[in-house]
Amino acid sequence: MTDKDILFQKAREAAKNAYCPYSHFKVGAAILAASGNIFTGCNVENSSFGLTCCAERNAVGEAIKAGERSFKCIAVYLDHDEELFPPCGACRQVLSEFSPTMQVYFFNNTVSRSSSLEDLLPGHFRLEKKEEKH
């Protein structure tokens, strides 16, 4: 089984736990860190839609919590037969914070697509990082 196959499987599994009473779109994400570890997330909606957190950002949060800072690729699954969406702009920006050249796979029950994050978010916003003080 390839890394891509494993990511697709884990993204599907994560979508099962999505909290989506408003859109009814179950989304799962699986992100592969440079270390080889995989982290997952699902979407968590809120009645104040702006507070909804996407599967991609939840997966990144899990990875960051574990100390990861560099990623190879992410797979995003939408449990639907017809609709297919790439990550939203906020997720693209968060992903670009850590790995602006990563590969992004997005798929549903019938079709899959892929793109580099650079193609999905050309000219991403970036501030110069300052060293952390301990």
N, C-alpha and C. Protein backbone atom coordinates (compact mmCIF):
# COMPACT_ATOMS: atom_id res chain seq x y z
N MET A 1 0.85 -1.18 0.00
CA MET A 1 0.00 0.00 0.00
C MET A 1 0.89 1.25 0.00
N THR A 2 0.62 2.19 -0.88
CA THR A 2 1.42 3.40 -0.98
C THR A 2 1.02 4.41 0.10
N ASP A 3 1.87 5.42 0.29
CA ASP A 3 1.53 6.50 1.22
C ASP A 3 0.20 7.13 0.85
N LYS A 4 -0.02 7.33 -0.44
CA LYS A 4 -1.27 7.94 -0.91
C LYS A 4 -2.46 7.07 -0.53
N ASP A 5 -2.36 5.76 -0.73
CA ASP A 5 -3.45 4.85 -0.37
C ASP A 5 -3.75 4.91 1.13
N ILE A 6 -2.70 4.93 1.92
CA ILE A 6 -2.87 5.00 3.38
C ILE A 6 -3.53 6.31 3.77
N LEU A 7 -3.08 7.41 3.18
CA LEU A 7 -3.68 8.71 3.48
C LEU A 7 -5.16 8.74 3.10
N PHE A 8 -5.49 8.19 1.94
CA PHE A 8 -6.90 8.15 1.51
C PHE A 8 -7.73 7.35 2.51
N GLN A 9 -7.22 6.22 2.94
CA GLN A 9 -7.94 5.38 3.90
C GLN A 9 -8.14 6.11 5.24
N LYS A 10 -7.08 6.73 5.73
CA LYS A 10 -7.18 7.43 7.02
C LYS A 10 -8.08 8.66 6.93
N ALA A 11 -8.08 9.35 5.80
CA ALA A 11 -8.97 10.49 5.63
C ALA A 11 -10.43 10.04 5.63
N ARG A 12 -10.71 8.93 4.96
CA ARG A 12 -12.08 8.37 4.97
C ARG A 12 -12.51 8.02 6.39
N GLU A 13 -11.61 7.38 7.14
CA GLU A 13 -11.92 6.99 8.52
C GLU A 13 -12.19 8.22 9.38
N ALA A 14 -11.39 9.26 9.21
CA ALA A 14 -11.57 10.48 10.00
C ALA A 14 -12.90 11.15 9.72
N ALA A 15 -13.35 11.10 8.47
CA ALA A 15 -14.62 11.73 8.10
C ALA A 15 -15.80 11.13 8.85
N LYS A 16 -15.70 9.89 9.25
CA LYS A 16 -16.79 9.24 9.98
C LYS A 16 -17.13 9.97 11.28
N ASN A 17 -16.15 10.67 11.86
CA ASN A 17 -16.36 11.37 13.13
C ASN A 17 -16.68 12.85 12.97
N ALA A 18 -16.90 13.29 11.75
CA ALA A 18 -17.19 14.71 11.50
C ALA A 18 -18.47 15.13 12.23
N TYR A 19 -18.44 16.37 12.68
CA TYR A 19 -19.63 16.98 13.29
C TYR A 19 -20.11 18.02 12.28
N CYS A 20 -21.17 17.67 11.53
CA CYS A 20 -21.60 18.52 10.42
C CYS A 20 -23.12 18.60 10.32
N PRO A 21 -23.80 19.07 11.38
CA PRO A 21 -25.26 19.11 11.36
C PRO A 21 -25.84 20.19 10.45
N TYR A 22 -25.02 21.08 9.92
CA TYR A 22 -25.51 22.18 9.08
C TYR A 22 -25.30 21.91 7.60
N SER A 23 -24.09 21.56 7.21
CA SER A 23 -23.80 21.30 5.80
C SER A 23 -24.09 19.85 5.40
N HIS A 24 -24.00 18.96 6.37
CA HIS A 24 -24.11 17.51 6.13
C HIS A 24 -23.00 17.01 5.21
N PHE A 25 -21.89 17.76 5.12
CA PHE A 25 -20.71 17.32 4.37
C PHE A 25 -19.70 16.79 5.38
N LYS A 26 -19.53 15.48 5.42
CA LYS A 26 -18.51 14.89 6.29
C LYS A 26 -17.17 14.98 5.57
N VAL A 27 -16.20 15.60 6.22
CA VAL A 27 -14.88 15.78 5.62
C VAL A 27 -13.84 15.21 6.58
N GLY A 28 -12.88 14.49 6.01
CA GLY A 28 -11.76 13.97 6.77
C GLY A 28 -10.47 14.32 6.07
N ALA A 29 -9.42 14.51 6.84
CA ALA A 29 -8.12 14.82 6.27
C ALA A 29 -7.05 13.98 6.95
N ALA A 30 -6.05 13.62 6.18
CA ALA A 30 -4.88 12.91 6.70
C ALA A 30 -3.65 13.59 6.11
N ILE A 31 -2.74 14.00 6.99
CA ILE A 31 -1.55 14.72 6.55
C ILE A 31 -0.31 13.89 6.90
N LEU A 32 0.59 13.80 5.94
CA LEU A 32 1.82 13.04 6.10
C LEU A 32 2.96 13.99 6.44
N ALA A 33 3.51 13.82 7.62
CA ALA A 33 4.64 14.65 8.05
C ALA A 33 5.93 14.16 7.41
N ALA A 34 6.91 15.03 7.35
CA ALA A 34 8.21 14.67 6.78
C ALA A 34 8.83 13.49 7.55
N SER A 35 8.47 13.34 8.81
CA SER A 35 8.98 12.24 9.64
C SER A 35 8.38 10.89 9.25
N GLY A 36 7.29 10.91 8.48
CA GLY A 36 6.60 9.68 8.12
C GLY A 36 5.34 9.44 8.94
N ASN A 37 5.15 10.22 10.00
CA ASN A 37 3.95 10.09 10.81
C ASN A 37 2.75 10.69 10.10
N ILE A 38 1.58 10.12 10.34
CA ILE A 38 0.34 10.59 9.74
C ILE A 38 -0.59 11.08 10.85
N PHE A 39 -1.23 12.22 10.59
CA PHE A 39 -2.17 12.82 11.53
C PHE A 39 -3.48 13.08 10.81
N THR A 40 -4.57 12.93 11.54
CA THR A 40 -5.89 13.09 10.92
C THR A 40 -6.72 14.14 11.62
N GLY A 41 -7.73 14.59 10.91
CA GLY A 41 -8.70 15.53 11.47
C GLY A 41 -10.01 15.41 10.71
N CYS A 42 -11.07 15.91 11.30
CA CYS A 42 -12.37 15.96 10.64
C CYS A 42 -12.95 17.36 10.85
N ASN A 43 -13.95 17.69 10.05
CA ASN A 43 -14.56 19.01 10.20
C ASN A 43 -15.45 19.02 11.43
N VAL A 44 -15.45 20.18 12.10
CA VAL A 44 -16.27 20.42 13.28
C VAL A 44 -17.01 21.72 13.04
N GLU A 45 -18.29 21.61 12.70
CA GLU A 45 -19.09 22.79 12.40
C GLU A 45 -19.62 23.44 13.66
N ASN A 46 -20.02 24.70 13.50
CA ASN A 46 -20.60 25.46 14.59
C ASN A 46 -21.73 26.30 14.01
N SER A 47 -22.76 26.53 14.80
CA SER A 47 -23.90 27.31 14.29
C SER A 47 -23.50 28.73 13.91
N SER A 48 -22.41 29.23 14.48
CA SER A 48 -21.81 30.48 14.04
C SER A 48 -20.76 30.07 13.01
N PHE A 49 -21.15 29.99 11.75
CA PHE A 49 -20.34 29.33 10.72
C PHE A 49 -18.87 29.74 10.72
N GLY A 50 -18.56 30.97 11.06
CA GLY A 50 -17.17 31.42 11.08
C GLY A 50 -16.31 30.68 12.08
N LEU A 51 -16.93 30.03 13.06
CA LEU A 51 -16.18 29.27 14.07
C LEU A 51 -16.00 27.80 13.69
N THR A 52 -16.51 27.42 12.55
CA THR A 52 -16.31 26.06 12.07
C THR A 52 -14.83 25.83 11.81
N CYS A 53 -14.35 24.64 12.14
CA CYS A 53 -12.95 24.31 11.88
C CYS A 53 -12.89 23.15 10.90
N CYS A 54 -12.17 23.36 9.83
CA CYS A 54 -12.06 22.38 8.76
C CYS A 54 -11.20 21.19 9.17
N ALA A 55 -11.41 20.07 8.49
CA ALA A 55 -10.65 18.85 8.74
C ALA A 55 -9.15 19.08 8.56
N GLU A 56 -8.78 19.84 7.54
CA GLU A 56 -7.37 20.08 7.25
C GLU A 56 -6.68 20.79 8.42
N ARG A 57 -7.31 21.82 8.93
CA ARG A 57 -6.70 22.56 10.05
C ARG A 57 -6.68 21.73 11.32
N ASN A 58 -7.68 20.89 11.52
CA ASN A 58 -7.65 20.01 12.69
C ASN A 58 -6.52 18.99 12.58
N ALA A 59 -6.26 18.47 11.38
CA ALA A 59 -5.15 17.54 11.18
C ALA A 59 -3.81 18.24 11.42
N VAL A 60 -3.67 19.46 10.91
CA VAL A 60 -2.44 20.22 11.15
C VAL A 60 -2.25 20.47 12.64
N GLY A 61 -3.32 20.82 13.34
CA GLY A 61 -3.23 21.04 14.78
C GLY A 61 -2.75 19.81 15.53
N GLU A 62 -3.25 18.65 15.14
CA GLU A 62 -2.80 17.40 15.77
C GLU A 62 -1.31 17.19 15.53
N ALA A 63 -0.86 17.46 14.31
CA ALA A 63 0.55 17.28 13.97
C ALA A 63 1.42 18.26 14.75
N ILE A 64 1.00 19.51 14.81
CA ILE A 64 1.77 20.52 15.54
C ILE A 64 1.87 20.15 17.02
N LYS A 65 0.75 19.67 17.57
CA LYS A 65 0.74 19.25 18.98
C LYS A 65 1.77 18.15 19.24
N ALA A 66 2.02 17.31 18.22
CA ALA A 66 2.99 16.22 18.34
C ALA A 66 4.41 16.66 18.01
N GLY A 67 4.60 17.95 17.67
CA GLY A 67 5.93 18.47 17.41
C GLY A 67 6.34 18.49 15.95
N GLU A 68 5.45 18.16 15.04
CA GLU A 68 5.77 18.17 13.62
C GLU A 68 5.68 19.60 13.07
N ARG A 69 6.53 19.90 12.10
CA ARG A 69 6.53 21.24 11.50
C ARG A 69 6.69 21.22 9.98
N SER A 70 6.88 20.04 9.40
CA SER A 70 7.10 19.94 7.96
C SER A 70 6.26 18.77 7.43
N PHE A 71 5.63 19.01 6.27
CA PHE A 71 4.70 18.02 5.73
C PHE A 71 4.97 17.73 4.26
N LYS A 72 4.72 16.49 3.85
CA LYS A 72 4.92 16.07 2.46
C LYS A 72 3.64 16.27 1.65
N CYS A 73 2.51 15.81 2.20
CA CYS A 73 1.25 15.87 1.45
C CYS A 73 0.07 15.71 2.39
N ILE A 74 -1.10 16.04 1.86
CA ILE A 74 -2.34 15.89 2.61
C ILE A 74 -3.40 15.33 1.68
N ALA A 75 -4.26 14.48 2.23
CA ALA A 75 -5.41 13.95 1.50
C ALA A 75 -6.67 14.44 2.22
N VAL A 76 -7.61 14.98 1.45
CA VAL A 76 -8.85 15.51 2.00
C VAL A 76 -10.01 14.79 1.33
N TYR A 77 -10.85 14.16 2.15
CA TYR A 77 -11.96 13.36 1.65
C TYR A 77 -13.29 14.02 1.98
N LEU A 78 -14.16 14.09 1.00
CA LEU A 78 -15.53 14.58 1.17
C LEU A 78 -16.46 13.40 0.92
N ASP A 79 -17.22 13.00 1.95
CA ASP A 79 -18.12 11.86 1.84
C ASP A 79 -19.35 12.25 1.02
N HIS A 80 -19.15 12.25 -0.28
CA HIS A 80 -20.20 12.68 -1.21
C HIS A 80 -19.93 12.03 -2.55
N ASP A 81 -20.96 11.85 -3.35
CA ASP A 81 -20.78 11.24 -4.67
C ASP A 81 -20.58 12.27 -5.78
N GLU A 82 -21.10 13.47 -5.59
CA GLU A 82 -21.08 14.46 -6.68
C GLU A 82 -20.18 15.66 -6.40
N GLU A 83 -20.26 16.23 -5.21
CA GLU A 83 -19.48 17.42 -4.88
C GLU A 83 -18.02 17.07 -4.65
N LEU A 84 -17.13 17.95 -5.05
CA LEU A 84 -15.70 17.81 -4.79
C LEU A 84 -15.11 19.21 -4.68
N PHE A 85 -14.43 19.46 -3.57
CA PHE A 85 -13.85 20.77 -3.33
C PHE A 85 -12.40 20.62 -2.90
N PRO A 86 -11.52 21.49 -3.36
CA PRO A 86 -10.17 21.54 -2.79
C PRO A 86 -10.26 22.23 -1.43
N PRO A 87 -9.18 22.22 -0.65
CA PRO A 87 -9.21 22.93 0.63
C PRO A 87 -9.58 24.41 0.45
N CYS A 88 -10.27 24.96 1.45
CA CYS A 88 -10.66 26.37 1.40
C CYS A 88 -9.42 27.27 1.53
N GLY A 89 -9.61 28.53 1.32
CA GLY A 89 -8.50 29.49 1.38
C GLY A 89 -7.81 29.53 2.73
N ALA A 90 -8.58 29.47 3.80
CA ALA A 90 -7.97 29.49 5.14
C ALA A 90 -7.09 28.27 5.34
N CYS A 91 -7.56 27.10 4.92
CA CYS A 91 -6.76 25.89 5.05
C CYS A 91 -5.51 25.95 4.18
N ARG A 92 -5.65 26.47 2.99
CA ARG A 92 -4.49 26.61 2.11
C ARG A 92 -3.42 27.48 2.76
N GLN A 93 -3.84 28.57 3.36
CA GLN A 93 -2.89 29.48 4.02
C GLN A 93 -2.22 28.79 5.20
N VAL A 94 -2.99 28.06 6.00
CA VAL A 94 -2.40 27.36 7.15
C VAL A 94 -1.40 26.31 6.67
N LEU A 95 -1.75 25.55 5.66
CA LEU A 95 -0.83 24.55 5.12
C LEU A 95 0.44 25.20 4.59
N SER A 96 0.30 26.35 3.94
CA SER A 96 1.47 27.02 3.36
C SER A 96 2.41 27.56 4.43
N GLU A 97 1.92 27.76 5.63
CA GLU A 97 2.77 28.21 6.74
C GLU A 97 3.91 27.22 6.99
N PHE A 98 3.62 25.94 6.76
CA PHE A 98 4.57 24.89 7.09
C PHE A 98 5.23 24.26 5.88
N SER A 99 4.49 24.06 4.81
CA SER A 99 5.03 23.36 3.64
C SER A 99 4.37 23.89 2.37
N PRO A 100 4.83 25.04 1.89
CA PRO A 100 4.15 25.69 0.76
C PRO A 100 4.20 24.92 -0.56
N THR A 101 5.04 23.88 -0.65
CA THR A 101 5.13 23.12 -1.89
C THR A 101 4.50 21.73 -1.79
N MET A 102 3.82 21.45 -0.69
CA MET A 102 3.26 20.10 -0.50
C MET A 102 2.25 19.73 -1.57
N GLN A 103 2.05 18.44 -1.73
CA GLN A 103 1.05 17.92 -2.65
C GLN A 103 -0.28 17.82 -1.91
N VAL A 104 -1.37 18.19 -2.58
CA VAL A 104 -2.70 18.14 -2.00
C VAL A 104 -3.57 17.22 -2.85
N TYR A 105 -4.10 16.19 -2.21
CA TYR A 105 -5.06 15.28 -2.84
C TYR A 105 -6.43 15.60 -2.28
N PHE A 106 -7.43 15.70 -3.12
CA PHE A 106 -8.80 15.86 -2.63
C PHE A 106 -9.69 14.93 -3.44
N PHE A 107 -10.58 14.24 -2.73
CA PHE A 107 -11.34 13.19 -3.38
C PHE A 107 -12.68 12.99 -2.68
N ASN A 108 -13.59 12.35 -3.42
CA ASN A 108 -14.88 11.98 -2.86
C ASN A 108 -15.11 10.50 -3.17
N ASN A 109 -16.35 10.07 -3.21
CA ASN A 109 -16.64 8.66 -3.44
C ASN A 109 -16.47 8.22 -4.89
N THR A 110 -16.30 9.16 -5.80
CA THR A 110 -16.24 8.79 -7.22
C THR A 110 -15.02 9.32 -7.97
N VAL A 111 -14.39 10.37 -7.50
CA VAL A 111 -13.30 10.98 -8.25
C VAL A 111 -12.24 11.54 -7.30
N SER A 112 -11.00 11.60 -7.78
CA SER A 112 -9.94 12.25 -7.00
C SER A 112 -9.16 13.18 -7.91
N ARG A 113 -8.62 14.20 -7.29
CA ARG A 113 -7.77 15.16 -8.01
C ARG A 113 -6.57 15.46 -7.12
N SER A 114 -5.55 16.04 -7.72
CA SER A 114 -4.39 16.46 -6.94
C SER A 114 -3.81 17.73 -7.54
N SER A 115 -3.10 18.44 -6.70
CA SER A 115 -2.47 19.70 -7.11
C SER A 115 -1.37 20.00 -6.10
N SER A 116 -0.42 20.78 -6.53
CA SER A 116 0.54 21.28 -5.55
C SER A 116 -0.13 22.43 -4.79
N LEU A 117 0.28 22.63 -3.59
CA LEU A 117 -0.27 23.75 -2.81
C LEU A 117 0.09 25.07 -3.47
N GLU A 118 1.26 25.13 -4.09
CA GLU A 118 1.67 26.35 -4.81
C GLU A 118 0.67 26.72 -5.90
N ASP A 119 0.15 25.72 -6.60
CA ASP A 119 -0.83 25.99 -7.65
C ASP A 119 -2.18 26.40 -7.07
N LEU A 120 -2.53 25.83 -5.91
CA LEU A 120 -3.80 26.18 -5.26
C LEU A 120 -3.76 27.55 -4.57
N LEU A 121 -2.55 27.96 -4.16
CA LEU A 121 -2.41 29.23 -3.44
C LEU A 121 -1.15 29.96 -3.92
N PRO A 122 -1.19 30.50 -5.13
CA PRO A 122 -0.02 31.24 -5.61
C PRO A 122 0.14 32.54 -4.83
N GLY A 123 1.36 32.90 -4.57
CA GLY A 123 1.62 34.16 -3.86
C GLY A 123 1.11 34.16 -2.44
N HIS A 124 1.26 33.03 -1.73
CA HIS A 124 0.74 32.95 -0.37
C HIS A 124 1.35 34.02 0.54
N PHE A 125 0.62 34.40 1.55
CA PHE A 125 1.05 35.41 2.51
C PHE A 125 2.11 34.81 3.42
N ARG A 126 3.19 35.54 3.66
CA ARG A 126 4.26 35.03 4.51
C ARG A 126 4.96 36.18 5.22
N LEU A 127 5.03 36.09 6.52
CA LEU A 127 5.82 37.02 7.31
C LEU A 127 7.16 36.37 7.63
N GLU A 128 8.16 37.19 7.88
CA GLU A 128 9.46 36.65 8.28
C GLU A 128 9.34 36.12 9.70
N LYS A 129 9.80 34.89 9.89
CA LYS A 129 9.74 34.27 11.22
C LYS A 129 10.89 34.79 12.07
N LYS A 130 10.60 35.03 13.33
CA LYS A 130 11.62 35.45 14.29
C LYS A 130 11.95 34.28 15.18
N GLU A 131 13.19 34.23 15.65
CA GLU A 131 13.58 33.14 16.53
C GLU A 131 12.81 33.21 17.83
N GLU A 132 12.44 32.00 18.32
CA GLU A 132 11.72 31.93 19.59
C GLU A 132 12.68 32.15 20.74
N LYS A 133 12.18 32.86 21.74
CA LYS A 133 12.97 33.06 22.96
C LYS A 133 12.54 32.01 23.96
N HIS A 134 13.52 31.41 24.62
CA HIS A 134 13.20 30.36 25.59
C HIS A 134 13.34 30.85 26.99
